[in-house]
Amino acid sequence: MAAIRICSNCGAKNSTENRFCEDCGYDMNMAPAFEKPAEELFCPNGHKVSDSSFGFCTECGEKLVREKPVNVS
């Protein structure tokens, strides 16, 4: 499995070789201009998210979303 790098701008998973985020285009070699306030993020599959700083669900690997899923089975 290839190593991943988390974009500090949007939280997307990228290859460590990427300079720019595949999702938002952010230059990942740049330090964030400011610290974003913590926002509540949710797993689209309904898993409980205890630490959203990873940007992905630690149970299923899906990218976290801002809107809470409505009907998750």
Protein backbone atom coordinates (compact mmCIF):
# COMPACT_ATOMS: atom_id res chain seq x y z
CA MET A 1 0.00 0.00 0.00
CA ALA A 2 1.37 3.40 -0.97
CA ALA A 3 1.98 5.98 1.71
CA ILE A 4 -0.61 8.72 1.95
CA ARG A 5 -0.46 12.40 2.77
CA ILE A 6 -3.48 14.27 4.14
CA CYS A 7 -4.20 17.68 2.63
CA SER A 8 -4.17 20.31 5.39
CA ASN A 9 -6.69 22.38 3.43
CA CYS A 10 -9.49 19.86 2.77
CA GLY A 11 -8.45 16.61 4.48
CA ALA A 12 -8.31 14.55 1.29
CA LYS A 13 -5.96 11.56 1.02
CA ASN A 14 -3.17 12.01 -1.53
CA SER A 15 -0.04 10.17 -2.58
CA THR A 16 3.07 11.39 -0.77
CA GLU A 17 4.48 12.22 -4.22
CA ASN A 18 1.74 14.79 -4.93
CA ARG A 19 2.62 18.44 -4.50
CA PHE A 20 -0.94 19.59 -5.14
CA CYS A 21 -4.06 18.06 -3.59
CA GLU A 22 -6.06 15.95 -6.04
CA ASP A 23 -9.35 17.22 -4.56
CA CYS A 24 -8.87 20.95 -3.98
CA GLY A 25 -5.59 21.82 -5.73
CA TYR A 26 -3.95 23.17 -2.55
CA ASP A 27 -0.15 23.35 -2.62
CA MET A 28 0.61 20.80 0.10
CA ASN A 29 4.17 22.12 0.53
CA MET A 30 2.76 25.36 1.91
CA ALA A 31 1.91 25.81 5.57
CA PRO A 32 -1.75 26.61 6.22
CA ALA A 33 -2.33 30.37 6.20
CA PHE A 34 -4.43 30.12 9.37
CA GLU A 35 -5.75 27.48 11.69
CA LYS A 36 -9.27 26.48 10.70
CA PRO A 37 -11.77 26.18 13.52
CA ALA A 38 -12.68 22.60 14.31
CA GLU A 39 -15.81 21.52 12.50
CA GLU A 40 -17.86 18.44 13.05
CA LEU A 41 -17.39 15.92 10.27
CA PHE A 42 -19.29 12.69 9.66
CA CYS A 43 -18.68 9.34 8.03
CA PRO A 44 -21.02 9.00 5.01
CA ASN A 45 -21.57 5.36 6.09
CA GLY A 46 -22.74 6.38 9.56
CA HIS A 47 -19.73 5.21 11.59
CA LYS A 48 -18.94 7.16 14.75
CA VAL A 49 -16.08 9.62 14.15
CA SER A 50 -14.01 10.18 17.27
CA ASP A 51 -11.18 12.14 15.59
CA SER A 52 -12.01 14.07 12.42
CA SER A 53 -8.46 15.43 12.06
CA PHE A 54 -7.56 12.47 9.82
CA GLY A 55 -10.14 13.52 7.21
CA PHE A 56 -11.31 9.95 6.74
CA CYS A 57 -13.24 7.35 8.71
CA THR A 58 -10.88 5.11 10.65
CA GLU A 59 -13.38 2.24 10.35
CA CYS A 60 -14.17 2.19 6.62
CA GLY A 61 -11.72 4.69 5.06
CA GLU A 62 -14.34 6.93 3.44
CA LYS A 63 -13.63 10.66 3.20
CA LEU A 64 -15.51 12.53 5.94
CA VAL A 65 -18.34 14.88 4.95
CA ARG A 66 -19.78 18.02 6.54
CA GLU A 67 -23.42 16.93 6.44
CA LYS A 68 -24.65 14.18 8.74
CA PRO A 69 -26.04 11.24 6.75
CA VAL A 70 -29.83 10.95 6.98
CA ASN A 71 -30.68 7.26 6.56
CA VAL A 72 -27.78 4.97 7.19
CA SER A 73 -28.49 1.26 7.53
